[in-house]
Amino acid sequence: MKIVIKLCTMVIAIISLALAPSILYTQPVEAASHWCENQGKSQNWVNGCKQGWSDHDHCYSYNPDGESNAFASGYKVGWKHGSCK
């Protein structure tokens, strides 16, 4: 019985180590939307934030071609939160 418990413990530890990187680096698809919307900024800023985050996540070049300064400001913040992989 002790061998079974030790074996199960080892299996759980190995599985945990194998899955840890994928769990740590997974960003929910809606993370950008929720985070950007919860900042209490204007809609232009929120749109820029979402666009910047999305562009960086998809490895696009930095290009805040929005309609206002608020969009460009939000884009910059969103870009910093995104990550090109």
PDB file of N, CA and C in Angstrom:
ATOM      1  N   MET A   1       0.821  -1.199   0.000  1.00  0.00           N
ATOM      2  CA  MET A   1       0.000   0.000   0.000  1.00  0.00           C
ATOM      3  C   MET A   1       0.863   1.261   0.000  1.00  0.00           C
ATOM      4  N   LYS A   2       1.989   1.219   0.731  1.00  0.00           N
ATOM      5  CA  LYS A   2       2.873   2.377   0.770  1.00  0.00           C
ATOM      6  C   LYS A   2       3.472   2.662  -0.605  1.00  0.00           C
ATOM      7  N   ILE A   3       3.742   1.595  -1.349  1.00  0.00           N
ATOM      8  CA  ILE A   3       4.314   1.763  -2.684  1.00  0.00           C
ATOM      9  C   ILE A   3       3.307   2.449  -3.608  1.00  0.00           C
ATOM     10  N   VAL A   4       2.038   2.083  -3.500  1.00  0.00           N
ATOM     11  CA  VAL A   4       0.997   2.682  -4.336  1.00  0.00           C
ATOM     12  C   VAL A   4       0.864   4.171  -4.024  1.00  0.00           C
ATOM     13  N   ILE A   5       0.891   4.526  -2.759  1.00  0.00           N
ATOM     14  CA  ILE A   5       0.787   5.933  -2.357  1.00  0.00           C
ATOM     15  C   ILE A   5       1.985   6.721  -2.873  1.00  0.00           C
ATOM     16  N   LYS A   6       3.178   6.161  -2.728  1.00  0.00           N
ATOM     17  CA  LYS A   6       4.377   6.840  -3.218  1.00  0.00           C
ATOM     18  C   LYS A   6       4.335   6.995  -4.738  1.00  0.00           C
ATOM     19  N   LEU A   7       3.874   5.966  -5.416  1.00  0.00           N
ATOM     20  CA  LEU A   7       3.775   6.015  -6.871  1.00  0.00           C
ATOM     21  C   LEU A   7       2.775   7.088  -7.315  1.00  0.00           C
ATOM     22  N   CYS A   8       1.629   7.131  -6.659  1.00  0.00           N
ATOM     23  CA  CYS A   8       0.618   8.145  -6.981  1.00  0.00           C
ATOM     24  C   CYS A   8       1.155   9.552  -6.720  1.00  0.00           C
ATOM     25  N   THR A   9       1.881   9.719  -5.638  1.00  0.00           N
ATOM     26  CA  THR A   9       2.474  11.013  -5.311  1.00  0.00           C
ATOM     27  C   THR A   9       3.468  11.438  -6.388  1.00  0.00           C
ATOM     28  N   MET A  10       4.281  10.499  -6.839  1.00  0.00           N
ATOM     29  CA  MET A  10       5.255  10.805  -7.884  1.00  0.00           C
ATOM     30  C   MET A  10       4.563  11.155  -9.200  1.00  0.00           C
ATOM     31  N   VAL A  11       3.510  10.430  -9.539  1.00  0.00           N
ATOM     32  CA  VAL A  11       2.774  10.699 -10.776  1.00  0.00           C
ATOM     33  C   VAL A  11       2.150  12.092 -10.729  1.00  0.00           C
ATOM     34  N   ILE A  12       1.549  12.441  -9.614  1.00  0.00           N
ATOM     35  CA  ILE A  12       0.941  13.769  -9.464  1.00  0.00           C
ATOM     36  C   ILE A  12       2.007  14.854  -9.577  1.00  0.00           C
ATOM     37  N   ALA A  13       3.154  14.641  -8.951  1.00  0.00           N
ATOM     38  CA  ALA A  13       4.236  15.626  -9.021  1.00  0.00           C
ATOM     39  C   ALA A  13       4.739  15.796 -10.453  1.00  0.00           C
ATOM     40  N   ILE A  14       4.910  14.713 -11.166  1.00  0.00           N
ATOM     41  CA  ILE A  14       5.403  14.778 -12.543  1.00  0.00           C
ATOM     42  C   ILE A  14       4.393  15.473 -13.450  1.00  0.00           C
ATOM     43  N   ILE A  15       3.131  15.141 -13.292  1.00  0.00           N
ATOM     44  CA  ILE A  15       2.088  15.782 -14.098  1.00  0.00           C
ATOM     45  C   ILE A  15       2.022  17.276 -13.789  1.00  0.00           C
ATOM     46  N   SER A  16       2.129  17.633 -12.522  1.00  0.00           N
ATOM     47  CA  SER A  16       2.098  19.045 -12.135  1.00  0.00           C
ATOM     48  C   SER A  16       3.248  19.812 -12.770  1.00  0.00           C
ATOM     49  N   LEU A  17       4.431  19.238 -12.744  1.00  0.00           N
ATOM     50  CA  LEU A  17       5.591  19.896 -13.350  1.00  0.00           C
ATOM     51  C   LEU A  17       5.445  20.006 -14.865  1.00  0.00           C
ATOM     52  N   ALA A  18       4.852  19.009 -15.466  1.00  0.00           N
ATOM     53  CA  ALA A  18       4.673  19.028 -16.921  1.00  0.00           C
ATOM     54  C   ALA A  18       3.645  20.073 -17.350  1.00  0.00           C
ATOM     55  N   LEU A  19       2.609  20.265 -16.555  1.00  0.00           N
ATOM     56  CA  LEU A  19       1.541  21.192 -16.920  1.00  0.00           C
ATOM     57  C   LEU A  19       1.772  22.618 -16.438  1.00  0.00           C
ATOM     58  N   ALA A  20       2.677  22.825 -15.508  1.00  0.00           N
ATOM     59  CA  ALA A  20       2.887  24.146 -14.920  1.00  0.00           C
ATOM     60  C   ALA A  20       3.168  25.237 -15.959  1.00  0.00           C
ATOM     61  N   PRO A  21       4.068  25.031 -16.910  1.00  0.00           N
ATOM     62  CA  PRO A  21       4.327  26.112 -17.875  1.00  0.00           C
ATOM     63  C   PRO A  21       3.098  26.517 -18.684  1.00  0.00           C
ATOM     64  N   SER A  22       2.318  25.562 -19.116  1.00  0.00           N
ATOM     65  CA  SER A  22       1.140  25.903 -19.914  1.00  0.00           C
ATOM     66  C   SER A  22       0.097  26.635 -19.082  1.00  0.00           C
ATOM     67  N   ILE A  23       0.007  26.316 -17.823  1.00  0.00           N
ATOM     68  CA  ILE A  23      -0.946  26.998 -16.950  1.00  0.00           C
ATOM     69  C   ILE A  23      -0.475  28.418 -16.659  1.00  0.00           C
ATOM     70  N   LEU A  24       0.814  28.593 -16.432  1.00  0.00           N
ATOM     71  CA  LEU A  24       1.353  29.902 -16.091  1.00  0.00           C
ATOM     72  C   LEU A  24       1.320  30.884 -17.252  1.00  0.00           C
ATOM     73  N   TYR A  25       1.502  30.408 -18.475  1.00  0.00           N
ATOM     74  CA  TYR A  25       1.607  31.298 -19.617  1.00  0.00           C
ATOM     75  C   TYR A  25       0.326  31.440 -20.417  1.00  0.00           C
ATOM     76  N   THR A  26      -0.760  30.864 -19.956  1.00  0.00           N
ATOM     77  CA  THR A  26      -2.025  30.966 -20.661  1.00  0.00           C
ATOM     78  C   THR A  26      -2.746  32.236 -20.231  1.00  0.00           C
ATOM     79  N   GLN A  27      -3.059  33.078 -21.198  1.00  0.00           N
ATOM     80  CA  GLN A  27      -3.850  34.265 -20.924  1.00  0.00           C
ATOM     81  C   GLN A  27      -5.235  34.033 -21.510  1.00  0.00           C
ATOM     82  N   PRO A  28      -6.256  34.227 -20.709  1.00  0.00           N
ATOM     83  CA  PRO A  28      -7.596  34.058 -21.251  1.00  0.00           C
ATOM     84  C   PRO A  28      -7.829  35.021 -22.414  1.00  0.00           C
ATOM     85  N   VAL A  29      -8.600  34.562 -23.376  1.00  0.00           N
ATOM     86  CA  VAL A  29      -8.864  35.366 -24.568  1.00  0.00           C
ATOM     87  C   VAL A  29      -9.498  36.695 -24.203  1.00  0.00           C
ATOM     88  N   GLU A  30     -10.346  36.702 -23.211  1.00  0.00           N
ATOM     89  CA  GLU A  30     -11.053  37.919 -22.833  1.00  0.00           C
ATOM     90  C   GLU A  30     -10.298  38.773 -21.822  1.00  0.00           C
ATOM     91  N   ALA A  31      -9.083  38.406 -21.473  1.00  0.00           N
ATOM     92  CA  ALA A  31      -8.331  39.158 -20.462  1.00  0.00           C
ATOM     93  C   ALA A  31      -8.150  40.606 -20.876  1.00  0.00           C
ATOM     94  N   ALA A  32      -7.813  40.842 -22.126  1.00  0.00           N
ATOM     95  CA  ALA A  32      -7.596  42.209 -22.604  1.00  0.00           C
ATOM     96  C   ALA A  32      -8.869  43.029 -22.466  1.00  0.00           C
ATOM     97  N   SER A  33      -9.988  42.460 -22.884  1.00  0.00           N
ATOM     98  CA  SER A  33     -11.252  43.193 -22.824  1.00  0.00           C
ATOM     99  C   SER A  33     -11.604  43.585 -21.402  1.00  0.00           C
ATOM    100  N   HIS A  34     -11.542  42.617 -20.505  1.00  0.00           N
ATOM    101  CA  HIS A  34     -11.928  42.897 -19.125  1.00  0.00           C
ATOM    102  C   HIS A  34     -10.968  43.869 -18.464  1.00  0.00           C
ATOM    103  N   TRP A  35      -9.684  43.676 -18.647  1.00  0.00           N
ATOM    104  CA  TRP A  35      -8.714  44.546 -17.992  1.00  0.00           C
ATOM    105  C   TRP A  35      -8.843  45.965 -18.516  1.00  0.00           C
ATOM    106  N   CYS A  36      -8.903  46.108 -19.828  1.00  0.00           N
ATOM    107  CA  CYS A  36      -8.982  47.442 -20.425  1.00  0.00           C
ATOM    108  C   CYS A  36     -10.268  48.164 -20.029  1.00  0.00           C
ATOM    109  N   GLU A  37     -11.368  47.447 -20.010  1.00  0.00           N
ATOM    110  CA  GLU A  37     -12.655  48.062 -19.672  1.00  0.00           C
ATOM    111  C   GLU A  37     -12.737  48.472 -18.210  1.00  0.00           C
ATOM    112  N   ASN A  38     -12.002  47.798 -17.347  1.00  0.00           N
ATOM    113  CA  ASN A  38     -12.070  48.086 -15.915  1.00  0.00           C
ATOM    114  C   ASN A  38     -11.150  49.219 -15.477  1.00  0.00           C
ATOM    115  N   GLN A  39     -10.550  49.937 -16.396  1.00  0.00           N
ATOM    116  CA  GLN A  39      -9.634  51.019 -16.040  1.00  0.00           C
ATOM    117  C   GLN A  39     -10.340  52.362 -15.873  1.00  0.00           C
ATOM    118  N   GLY A  40     -11.612  52.422 -16.218  1.00  0.00           N
ATOM    119  CA  GLY A  40     -12.378  53.652 -16.041  1.00  0.00           C
ATOM    120  C   GLY A  40     -11.992  54.761 -17.010  1.00  0.00           C
ATOM    121  N   LYS A  41     -11.526  54.400 -18.177  1.00  0.00           N
ATOM    122  CA  LYS A  41     -11.098  55.385 -19.178  1.00  0.00           C
ATOM    123  C   LYS A  41     -12.176  55.534 -20.248  1.00  0.00           C
ATOM    124  N   SER A  42     -11.929  56.446 -21.192  1.00  0.00           N
ATOM    125  CA  SER A  42     -12.887  56.683 -22.281  1.00  0.00           C
ATOM    126  C   SER A  42     -12.955  55.476 -23.216  1.00  0.00           C
ATOM    127  N   GLN A  43     -14.001  55.444 -24.030  1.00  0.00           N
ATOM    128  CA  GLN A  43     -14.168  54.332 -24.971  1.00  0.00           C
ATOM    129  C   GLN A  43     -13.034  54.297 -25.991  1.00  0.00           C
ATOM    130  N   ASN A  44     -12.551  55.467 -26.423  1.00  0.00           N
ATOM    131  CA  ASN A  44     -11.412  55.496 -27.349  1.00  0.00           C
ATOM    132  C   ASN A  44     -10.178  54.876 -26.707  1.00  0.00           C
ATOM    133  N   TRP A  45      -9.943  55.182 -25.434  1.00  0.00           N
ATOM    134  CA  TRP A  45      -8.795  54.619 -24.721  1.00  0.00           C
ATOM    135  C   TRP A  45      -8.940  53.103 -24.617  1.00  0.00           C
ATOM    136  N   VAL A  46     -10.138  52.646 -24.266  1.00  0.00           N
ATOM    137  CA  VAL A  46     -10.400  51.206 -24.136  1.00  0.00           C
ATOM    138  C   VAL A  46     -10.174  50.506 -25.473  1.00  0.00           C
ATOM    139  N   ASN A  47     -10.673  51.090 -26.558  1.00  0.00           N
ATOM    140  CA  ASN A  47     -10.472  50.498 -27.886  1.00  0.00           C
ATOM    141  C   ASN A  47      -8.988  50.417 -28.234  1.00  0.00           C
ATOM    142  N   GLY A  48      -8.248  51.471 -27.929  1.00  0.00           N
ATOM    143  CA  GLY A  48      -6.809  51.466 -28.182  1.00  0.00           C
ATOM    144  C   GLY A  48      -6.092  50.421 -27.351  1.00  0.00           C
ATOM    145  N   CYS A  49      -6.486  50.294 -26.098  1.00  0.00           N
ATOM    146  CA  CYS A  49      -5.892  49.301 -25.199  1.00  0.00           C
ATOM    147  C   CYS A  49      -6.102  47.889 -25.739  1.00  0.00           C
ATOM    148  N   LYS A  50      -7.321  47.590 -26.132  1.00  0.00           N
ATOM    149  CA  LYS A  50      -7.630  46.265 -26.683  1.00  0.00           C
ATOM    150  C   LYS A  50      -6.839  46.001 -27.962  1.00  0.00           C
ATOM    151  N   GLN A  51      -6.777  47.024 -28.827  1.00  0.00           N
ATOM    152  CA  GLN A  51      -6.072  46.866 -30.101  1.00  0.00           C
ATOM    153  C   GLN A  51      -4.575  46.666 -29.882  1.00  0.00           C
ATOM    154  N   GLY A  52      -3.983  47.441 -28.976  1.00  0.00           N
ATOM    155  CA  GLY A  52      -2.556  47.301 -28.689  1.00  0.00           C
ATOM    156  C   GLY A  52      -2.225  45.942 -28.111  1.00  0.00           C
ATOM    157  N   TRP A  53      -3.054  45.484 -27.182  1.00  0.00           N
ATOM    158  CA  TRP A  53      -2.853  44.166 -26.562  1.00  0.00           C
ATOM    159  C   TRP A  53      -2.933  43.075 -27.631  1.00  0.00           C
ATOM    160  N   SER A  54      -3.954  43.161 -28.461  1.00  0.00           N
ATOM    161  CA  SER A  54      -4.156  42.163 -29.513  1.00  0.00           C
ATOM    162  C   SER A  54      -3.013  42.179 -30.531  1.00  0.00           C
ATOM    163  N   ASP A  55      -2.595  43.374 -30.946  1.00  0.00           N
ATOM    164  CA  ASP A  55      -1.501  43.474 -31.918  1.00  0.00           C
ATOM    165  C   ASP A  55      -0.221  42.849 -31.374  1.00  0.00           C
ATOM    166  N   HIS A  56       0.093  43.121 -30.115  1.00  0.00           N
ATOM    167  CA  HIS A  56       1.315  42.555 -29.532  1.00  0.00           C
ATOM    168  C   HIS A  56       1.184  41.044 -29.376  1.00  0.00           C
ATOM    169  N   ASP A  57       0.025  40.558 -28.979  1.00  0.00           N
ATOM    170  CA  ASP A  57      -0.193  39.111 -28.852  1.00  0.00           C
ATOM    171  C   ASP A  57      -0.034  38.393 -30.194  1.00  0.00           C
ATOM    172  N   HIS A  58      -0.383  39.071 -31.280  1.00  0.00           N
ATOM    173  CA  HIS A  58      -0.281  38.471 -32.614  1.00  0.00           C
ATOM    174  C   HIS A  58       1.031  38.830 -33.320  1.00  0.00           C
ATOM    175  N   CYS A  59       1.955  39.435 -32.584  1.00  0.00           N
ATOM    176  CA  CYS A  59       3.293  39.790 -33.093  1.00  0.00           C
ATOM    177  C   CYS A  59       3.242  40.788 -34.252  1.00  0.00           C
ATOM    178  N   TYR A  60       2.230  41.646 -34.267  1.00  0.00           N
ATOM    179  CA  TYR A  60       2.179  42.708 -35.266  1.00  0.00           C
ATOM    180  C   TYR A  60       3.092  43.846 -34.818  1.00  0.00           C
ATOM    181  N   SER A  61       3.410  44.742 -35.724  1.00  0.00           N
ATOM    182  CA  SER A  61       4.260  45.876 -35.361  1.00  0.00           C
ATOM    183  C   SER A  61       3.453  46.885 -34.540  1.00  0.00           C
ATOM    184  N   TYR A  62       4.187  47.696 -33.790  1.00  0.00           N
ATOM    185  CA  TYR A  62       3.568  48.738 -32.970  1.00  0.00           C
ATOM    186  C   TYR A  62       3.022  49.811 -33.902  1.00  0.00           C
ATOM    187  N   ASN A  63       1.695  49.971 -33.927  1.00  0.00           N
ATOM    188  CA  ASN A  63       1.078  50.891 -34.872  1.00  0.00           C
ATOM    189  C   ASN A  63      -0.220  51.458 -34.303  1.00  0.00           C
ATOM    190  N   PRO A  64      -0.120  52.477 -33.448  1.00  0.00           N
ATOM    191  CA  PRO A  64      -1.337  53.060 -32.859  1.00  0.00           C
ATOM    192  C   PRO A  64      -2.024  54.026 -33.824  1.00  0.00           C
ATOM    193  N   ASP A  65      -2.616  53.493 -34.884  1.00  0.00           N
ATOM    194  CA  ASP A  65      -3.238  54.335 -35.909  1.00  0.00           C
ATOM    195  C   ASP A  65      -4.697  54.630 -35.592  1.00  0.00           C
ATOM    196  N   GLY A  66      -4.943  55.118 -34.407  1.00  0.00           N
ATOM    197  CA  GLY A  66      -6.309  55.390 -33.977  1.00  0.00           C
ATOM    198  C   GLY A  66      -6.763  56.793 -34.305  1.00  0.00           C
ATOM    199  N   GLU A  67      -7.952  57.097 -33.847  1.00  0.00           N
ATOM    200  CA  GLU A  67      -8.577  58.362 -34.192  1.00  0.00           C
ATOM    201  C   GLU A  67      -8.312  59.482 -33.189  1.00  0.00           C
ATOM    202  N   SER A  68      -7.603  59.196 -32.099  1.00  0.00           N
ATOM    203  CA  SER A  68      -7.405  60.235 -31.094  1.00  0.00           C
ATOM    204  C   SER A  68      -6.170  59.960 -30.243  1.00  0.00           C
ATOM    205  N   ASN A  69      -5.815  60.951 -29.429  1.00  0.00           N
ATOM    206  CA  ASN A  69      -4.707  60.780 -28.484  1.00  0.00           C
ATOM    207  C   ASN A  69      -5.055  59.746 -27.425  1.00  0.00           C
ATOM    208  N   ALA A  70      -6.334  59.682 -27.049  1.00  0.00           N
ATOM    209  CA  ALA A  70      -6.761  58.695 -26.053  1.00  0.00           C
ATOM    210  C   ALA A  70      -6.554  57.282 -26.592  1.00  0.00           C
ATOM    211  N   PHE A  71      -6.853  57.076 -27.865  1.00  0.00           N
ATOM    212  CA  PHE A  71      -6.642  55.769 -28.491  1.00  0.00           C
ATOM    213  C   PHE A  71      -5.165  55.403 -28.445  1.00  0.00           C
ATOM    214  N   ALA A  72      -4.303  56.339 -28.830  1.00  0.00           N
ATOM    215  CA  ALA A  72      -2.856  56.089 -28.838  1.00  0.00           C
ATOM    216  C   ALA A  72      -2.342  55.798 -27.433  1.00  0.00           C
ATOM    217  N   SER A  73      -2.861  56.511 -26.454  1.00  0.00           N
ATOM    218  CA  SER A  73      -2.460  56.281 -25.063  1.00  0.00           C
ATOM    219  C   SER A  73      -2.888  54.894 -24.595  1.00  0.00           C
ATOM    220  N   GLY A  74      -4.117  54.516 -24.903  1.00  0.00           N
ATOM    221  CA  GLY A  74      -4.608  53.186 -24.546  1.00  0.00           C
ATOM    222  C   GLY A  74      -3.859  52.095 -25.282  1.00  0.00           C
ATOM    223  N   TYR A  75      -3.523  52.354 -26.540  1.00  0.00           N
ATOM    224  CA  TYR A  75      -2.776  51.390 -27.349  1.00  0.00           C
ATOM    225  C   TYR A  75      -1.433  51.093 -26.690  1.00  0.00           C
ATOM    226  N   LYS A  76      -0.758  52.139 -26.233  1.00  0.00           N
ATOM    227  CA  LYS A  76       0.555  51.985 -25.592  1.00  0.00           C
ATOM    228  C   LYS A  76       0.452  51.109 -24.347  1.00  0.00           C
ATOM    229  N   VAL A  77      -0.569  51.337 -23.537  1.00  0.00           N
ATOM    230  CA  VAL A  77      -0.765  50.542 -22.318  1.00  0.00           C
ATOM    231  C   VAL A  77      -1.103  49.097 -22.675  1.00  0.00           C
ATOM    232  N   GLY A  78      -1.997  48.904 -23.635  1.00  0.00           N
ATOM    233  CA  GLY A  78      -2.363  47.554 -24.059  1.00  0.00           C
ATOM    234  C   GLY A  78      -1.178  46.804 -24.634  1.00  0.00           C
ATOM    235  N   TRP A  79      -0.350  47.503 -25.396  1.00  0.00           N
ATOM    236  CA  TRP A  79       0.838  46.894 -26.001  1.00  0.00           C
ATOM    237  C   TRP A  79       1.758  46.338 -24.914  1.00  0.00           C
ATOM    238  N   LYS A  80       1.899  47.080 -23.828  1.00  0.00           N
ATOM    239  CA  LYS A  80       2.773  46.636 -22.729  1.00  0.00           C
ATOM    240  C   LYS A  80       2.239  45.368 -22.058  1.00  0.00           C
ATOM    241  N   HIS A  81       0.931  45.168 -22.090  1.00  0.00           N
ATOM    242  CA  HIS A  81       0.347  43.980 -21.464  1.00  0.00           C
ATOM    243  C   HIS A  81       0.363  42.761 -22.386  1.00  0.00           C
ATOM    244  N   GLY A  82       0.400  42.989 -23.682  1.00  0.00           N
ATOM    245  CA  GLY A  82       0.438  41.882 -24.629  1.00  0.00           C
ATOM    246  C   GLY A  82       1.814  41.235 -24.646  1.00  0.00           C
ATOM    247  N   SER A  83       1.900  40.095 -25.307  1.00  0.00           N
ATOM    248  CA  SER A  83       3.198  39.419 -25.410  1.00  0.00           C
ATOM    249  C   SER A  83       3.257  38.604 -26.695  1.00  0.00           C
ATOM    250  N   CYS A  84       4.267  38.877 -27.480  1.00  0.00           N
ATOM    251  CA  CYS A  84       4.477  38.161 -28.737  1.00  0.00           C
ATOM    252  C   CYS A  84       5.200  36.859 -28.446  1.00  0.00           C
ATOM    253  N   LYS A  85       4.591  35.742 -28.850  1.00  0.00           N
ATOM    254  CA  LYS A  85       5.211  34.427 -28.602  1.00  0.00           C
ATOM    255  C   LYS A  85       5.404  33.691 -29.896  1.00  0.00           C
TER     256      LYS A  85
END
